[in-house]
Amino acid sequence: MHAYGRGVMDEALSGAIEELYQRFGRYDLPAWTDPCMHCHSEADEARLHRAPVRELTVEDLDRYSADALLVWGDETTFRPLLPRLFELAALGPVSDLTDPADVIGTLGRCGWTTWPDDERVAIRRYLDAWWRDRLERADDSFEMRAALVALAEATDDVAPFLRVLDDPPSTDALRNTARLILAARFTGPPLGEARDRHPNATEQIRSWLDHAAPALRDRFGRTAAAATETGDDATFDLMTTASSAVARS
């Protein structure tokens, strides 16, 4: 585990963030980042220049994170700030206006798949580490669905991330996989309103739910049985319900 800013993250995620700093450190923040002056002020602009990028705080990036590539700047602003934004996204809410998944989804507006190879490799490494971290640490199905939507927005190809769910690496990851399955089965399309923007990702999720998720039934059952021995009623209920849900697939 590695200490970072406001929290602690595993070595895979901290290493991915370090690589982002290395790759994107070649870019300097423009002297003027071009915020919409109907929406923002010179004081908002000044916050982005208050300190070196790596020392910018949640409060400094609050307004920018909500409007990046919408009404504030272009790639020349986003690229130098990307490592710090993604570091903060790994640790918790980036602002009152923007949750971590929204920050990741910003990639879908910047054409990053045309960037130099080393930058694309660094971003993909980060996305994989961030997804695995969410799988271990998310608190509920809403957070898991938000993470999946963010990946669809960023890449429109969620198959590599769904494959991680085929064999969740821990009980916490299994719980969140179960939550994601139940949310998809009983509370509407997994990508919500984003499904129309990302038909490919939507089909990938549907296929995974129909063909891969049922293979988890035995694992759900074994975990439920273990939970009865430890008196973990919450895990027992979650695993039993998830097992039933995939059995009907």
Protein backbone atom coordinates (compact mmCIF):
# COMPACT_ATOMS: atom_id res chain seq x y z
CA MET A 1 0.00 0.00 0.00
CA HIS A 2 1.14 3.51 -0.74
CA ALA A 3 0.16 6.76 0.98
CA TYR A 4 -1.09 9.46 -1.36
CA GLY A 5 -2.54 12.82 -0.41
CA ARG A 6 -5.85 12.19 1.31
CA GLY A 7 -5.78 8.44 1.34
CA VAL A 8 -4.01 5.13 0.70
CA MET A 9 -3.94 3.16 -2.53
CA ASP A 10 -2.31 -0.06 -3.66
CA GLU A 11 0.96 -0.25 -5.54
CA ALA A 12 -0.64 -0.89 -8.92
CA LEU A 13 -2.69 2.29 -8.77
CA SER A 14 0.07 4.43 -7.27
CA GLY A 15 2.47 3.15 -9.95
CA ALA A 16 -0.02 3.97 -12.69
CA ILE A 17 -0.37 7.50 -11.34
CA GLU A 18 3.40 7.96 -11.26
CA GLU A 19 3.53 6.92 -14.90
CA LEU A 20 0.89 9.53 -15.76
CA TYR A 21 3.02 12.21 -14.14
CA GLN A 22 6.03 11.02 -16.12
CA ARG A 23 4.25 10.96 -19.46
CA PHE A 24 2.23 14.15 -19.12
CA GLY A 25 4.86 16.14 -17.26
CA ARG A 26 6.15 17.14 -20.70
CA TYR A 27 3.23 19.56 -21.03
CA ASP A 28 3.06 22.99 -19.44
CA LEU A 29 -0.20 24.52 -18.31
CA PRO A 30 -1.09 27.45 -20.61
CA ALA A 31 -0.81 30.88 -19.04
CA TRP A 32 -4.51 31.32 -19.86
CA THR A 33 -6.63 28.16 -19.86
CA ASP A 34 -9.62 29.74 -21.60
CA PRO A 35 -12.54 29.31 -19.18
CA CYS A 36 -15.92 30.60 -20.32
CA MET A 37 -16.06 33.99 -18.61
CA HIS A 38 -19.86 33.83 -18.45
CA CYS A 39 -19.49 30.74 -16.24
CA HIS A 40 -16.22 31.39 -14.43
CA SER A 41 -14.08 34.19 -13.10
CA GLU A 42 -10.45 35.24 -13.22
CA ALA A 43 -10.20 33.99 -9.64
CA ASP A 44 -11.21 30.51 -10.85
CA GLU A 45 -8.49 30.72 -13.50
CA ALA A 46 -5.95 31.83 -10.94
CA ARG A 47 -6.56 28.72 -8.80
CA LEU A 48 -5.10 26.52 -11.56
CA HIS A 49 -1.84 28.51 -11.36
CA ARG A 50 -1.63 28.73 -7.57
CA ALA A 51 0.94 25.94 -7.27
CA PRO A 52 2.71 23.28 -9.34
CA VAL A 53 0.20 20.85 -10.83
CA ARG A 54 1.10 18.07 -8.40
CA GLU A 55 0.31 20.36 -5.46
CA LEU A 56 -3.08 21.56 -6.66
CA THR A 57 -5.86 20.70 -4.23
CA VAL A 58 -9.44 19.57 -4.63
CA GLU A 59 -10.48 23.17 -4.00
CA ASP A 60 -8.15 24.45 -6.73
CA LEU A 61 -9.56 22.04 -9.30
CA ASP A 62 -13.16 22.18 -8.15
CA ARG A 63 -14.60 24.40 -10.87
CA TYR A 64 -12.35 23.15 -13.65
CA SER A 65 -13.10 19.47 -13.01
CA ALA A 66 -16.81 20.07 -13.56
CA ASP A 67 -16.39 21.92 -16.86
CA ALA A 68 -13.20 20.54 -18.42
CA LEU A 69 -13.46 20.34 -22.21
CA LEU A 70 -17.04 21.63 -22.05
CA VAL A 71 -16.84 25.34 -21.29
CA TRP A 72 -13.27 25.41 -20.03
CA GLY A 73 -10.24 24.92 -22.24
CA ASP A 74 -9.17 22.18 -24.60
CA GLU A 75 -6.60 19.39 -24.62
CA THR A 76 -3.74 21.83 -24.05
CA THR A 77 -5.20 22.53 -20.61
CA PHE A 78 -6.46 19.04 -19.85
CA ARG A 79 -3.26 17.13 -20.60
CA PRO A 80 -0.98 18.83 -18.05
CA LEU A 81 -3.72 18.61 -15.40
CA LEU A 82 -4.69 15.00 -16.17
CA PRO A 83 -2.29 13.28 -13.74
CA ARG A 84 -3.42 15.36 -10.77
CA LEU A 85 -7.10 15.03 -11.66
CA PHE A 86 -6.76 11.27 -11.96
CA GLU A 87 -4.76 11.07 -8.75
CA LEU A 88 -7.51 12.88 -6.88
CA ALA A 89 -10.14 10.74 -8.60
CA ALA A 90 -8.42 7.67 -7.16
CA LEU A 91 -8.70 9.07 -3.66
CA GLY A 92 -12.27 10.34 -3.52
CA PRO A 93 -14.57 13.08 -4.79
CA VAL A 94 -12.68 15.63 -6.85
CA SER A 95 -15.18 18.31 -5.97
CA ASP A 96 -18.70 18.91 -4.76
CA LEU A 97 -19.69 19.11 -8.42
CA THR A 98 -17.70 16.22 -9.87
CA ASP A 99 -17.37 12.65 -8.63
CA PRO A 100 -14.41 10.44 -9.57
CA ALA A 101 -16.26 8.63 -12.34
CA ASP A 102 -17.10 11.94 -14.03
CA VAL A 103 -13.41 12.83 -14.13
CA ILE A 104 -12.52 9.51 -15.79
CA GLY A 105 -15.34 9.99 -18.27
CA THR A 106 -13.77 13.27 -19.39
CA LEU A 107 -11.43 11.14 -21.50
CA GLY A 108 -14.32 10.56 -23.88
CA ARG A 109 -14.25 14.24 -24.84
CA CYS A 110 -10.54 14.60 -25.58
CA GLY A 111 -9.61 12.16 -28.34
CA TRP A 112 -6.94 10.48 -26.21
CA THR A 113 -6.85 7.36 -28.42
CA THR A 114 -5.00 9.45 -31.03
CA TRP A 115 -2.32 10.62 -28.56
CA PRO A 116 1.26 9.24 -28.56
CA ASP A 117 1.63 5.54 -27.74
CA ASP A 118 3.29 6.07 -24.36
CA GLU A 119 0.45 8.34 -23.21
CA ARG A 120 -2.21 5.87 -24.33
CA VAL A 121 -0.44 2.99 -22.60
CA ALA A 122 -0.20 5.02 -19.38
CA ILE A 123 -3.89 5.89 -19.49
CA ARG A 124 -4.93 2.29 -20.09
CA ARG A 125 -2.72 1.16 -17.23
CA TYR A 126 -4.38 3.70 -14.98
CA LEU A 127 -7.92 2.73 -16.06
CA ASP A 128 -7.24 -0.93 -15.34
CA ALA A 129 -5.76 -0.14 -11.91
CA TRP A 130 -8.57 2.31 -11.10
CA TRP A 131 -11.26 -0.24 -12.02
CA ARG A 132 -9.64 -2.93 -9.90
CA ASP A 133 -9.42 -0.46 -7.03
CA ARG A 134 -13.10 0.41 -7.37
CA LEU A 135 -13.92 -3.29 -7.39
CA GLU A 136 -12.18 -3.68 -4.06
CA ARG A 137 -13.27 -0.44 -2.38
CA ALA A 138 -16.63 0.68 -3.74
CA ASP A 139 -19.33 0.98 -1.09
CA ASP A 140 -22.45 0.21 -3.12
CA SER A 141 -23.94 -0.63 -6.50
CA PHE A 142 -24.31 3.04 -7.42
CA GLU A 143 -20.55 3.54 -7.19
CA MET A 144 -19.89 0.43 -9.26
CA ARG A 145 -22.32 1.46 -11.96
CA ALA A 146 -20.83 4.95 -12.03
CA ALA A 147 -17.40 3.41 -12.55
CA LEU A 148 -18.65 1.25 -15.41
CA VAL A 149 -20.33 4.25 -17.06
CA ALA A 150 -17.07 6.20 -16.73
CA LEU A 151 -15.14 3.46 -18.51
CA ALA A 152 -17.74 3.33 -21.27
CA GLU A 153 -17.50 7.09 -21.67
CA ALA A 154 -13.71 6.91 -21.74
CA THR A 155 -13.22 3.93 -24.07
CA ASP A 156 -16.55 2.52 -25.37
CA ASP A 157 -14.86 -0.87 -24.89
CA VAL A 158 -15.55 -2.31 -21.46
CA ALA A 159 -14.77 -5.94 -22.31
CA PRO A 160 -11.28 -5.88 -20.69
CA PHE A 161 -12.79 -4.55 -17.47
CA LEU A 162 -15.62 -7.07 -17.46
CA ARG A 163 -13.10 -9.90 -17.74
CA VAL A 164 -11.79 -8.91 -14.32
CA LEU A 165 -15.24 -9.78 -12.97
CA ASP A 166 -15.00 -13.33 -14.28
CA ASP A 167 -12.75 -14.19 -11.33
CA PRO A 168 -13.01 -11.49 -8.64
CA PRO A 169 -9.73 -11.50 -6.69
CA SER A 170 -11.21 -11.08 -3.20
CA THR A 171 -14.42 -11.30 -1.21
CA ASP A 172 -14.83 -7.52 -1.41
CA ALA A 173 -14.46 -7.69 -5.19
CA LEU A 174 -16.98 -10.55 -5.30
CA ARG A 175 -19.45 -8.48 -3.27
CA ASN A 176 -19.18 -5.59 -5.71
CA THR A 177 -19.51 -7.93 -8.67
CA ALA A 178 -22.70 -9.25 -7.10
CA ARG A 179 -23.98 -5.73 -6.53
CA LEU A 180 -23.31 -4.83 -10.14
CA ILE A 181 -25.15 -7.90 -11.40
CA LEU A 182 -28.16 -7.23 -9.19
CA ALA A 183 -28.27 -3.58 -10.21
CA ALA A 184 -28.18 -4.58 -13.88
CA ARG A 185 -30.88 -7.19 -13.43
CA PHE A 186 -33.31 -5.23 -11.31
CA THR A 187 -32.74 -1.48 -11.58
CA GLY A 188 -32.49 -0.80 -15.28
CA PRO A 189 -29.78 -0.77 -17.96
CA PRO A 190 -26.26 -0.91 -16.48
CA LEU A 191 -25.18 2.23 -18.31
CA GLY A 192 -28.40 4.11 -17.63
CA GLU A 193 -28.88 7.06 -19.95
CA ALA A 194 -25.39 6.54 -21.39
CA ARG A 195 -26.50 3.35 -23.14
CA ASP A 196 -27.61 5.22 -26.25
CA ARG A 197 -24.19 6.88 -26.58
CA HIS A 198 -22.35 3.59 -26.17
CA PRO A 199 -24.17 0.74 -27.93
CA ASN A 200 -20.97 -1.31 -28.17
CA ALA A 201 -20.31 -1.17 -24.43
CA THR A 202 -23.99 -1.83 -23.74
CA GLU A 203 -23.88 -5.00 -25.85
CA GLN A 204 -20.66 -6.12 -24.16
CA ILE A 205 -22.29 -5.81 -20.75
CA ARG A 206 -25.43 -7.62 -21.90
CA SER A 207 -23.33 -10.46 -23.29
CA TRP A 208 -21.31 -10.70 -20.08
CA LEU A 209 -24.44 -10.83 -17.96
CA ASP A 210 -25.93 -13.58 -20.16
CA HIS A 211 -22.86 -15.77 -20.63
CA ALA A 212 -20.12 -15.03 -18.08
CA ALA A 213 -21.97 -13.98 -14.94
CA PRO A 214 -23.75 -17.37 -14.51
CA ALA A 215 -20.34 -19.00 -14.05
CA LEU A 216 -20.07 -17.12 -10.77
CA ARG A 217 -23.04 -18.95 -9.26
CA ASP A 218 -20.97 -21.59 -7.49
CA ARG A 219 -18.66 -18.95 -6.04
CA PHE A 220 -21.61 -16.96 -4.78
CA GLY A 221 -22.95 -20.13 -3.19
CA ARG A 222 -19.66 -21.03 -1.49
CA THR A 223 -19.29 -17.50 -0.14
CA ALA A 224 -22.85 -17.56 1.17
CA ALA A 225 -22.14 -20.85 2.96
CA ALA A 226 -19.00 -19.41 4.53
CA ALA A 227 -20.95 -16.35 5.63
CA THR A 228 -23.40 -18.50 7.57
CA GLU A 229 -20.51 -19.91 9.60
CA THR A 230 -19.25 -16.46 10.52
CA GLY A 231 -22.68 -14.94 11.10
CA ASP A 232 -22.21 -12.42 8.27
CA ASP A 233 -25.88 -11.99 7.40
CA ALA A 234 -25.32 -9.11 4.95
CA THR A 235 -22.90 -11.13 2.83
CA PHE A 236 -25.13 -14.20 3.01
CA ASP A 237 -28.14 -12.24 1.77
CA LEU A 238 -26.15 -10.57 -1.03
CA MET A 239 -24.57 -13.81 -2.26
CA THR A 240 -27.82 -15.78 -2.09
CA THR A 241 -29.69 -13.14 -4.06
CA ALA A 242 -26.91 -12.85 -6.65
CA SER A 243 -26.77 -16.64 -7.04
CA SER A 244 -30.50 -16.71 -7.73
CA ALA A 245 -30.21 -13.85 -10.19
CA VAL A 246 -27.54 -15.49 -12.33
CA ALA A 247 -29.36 -18.83 -12.17
CA ARG A 248 -32.23 -17.17 -14.04
CA SER A 249 -29.89 -15.91 -16.79
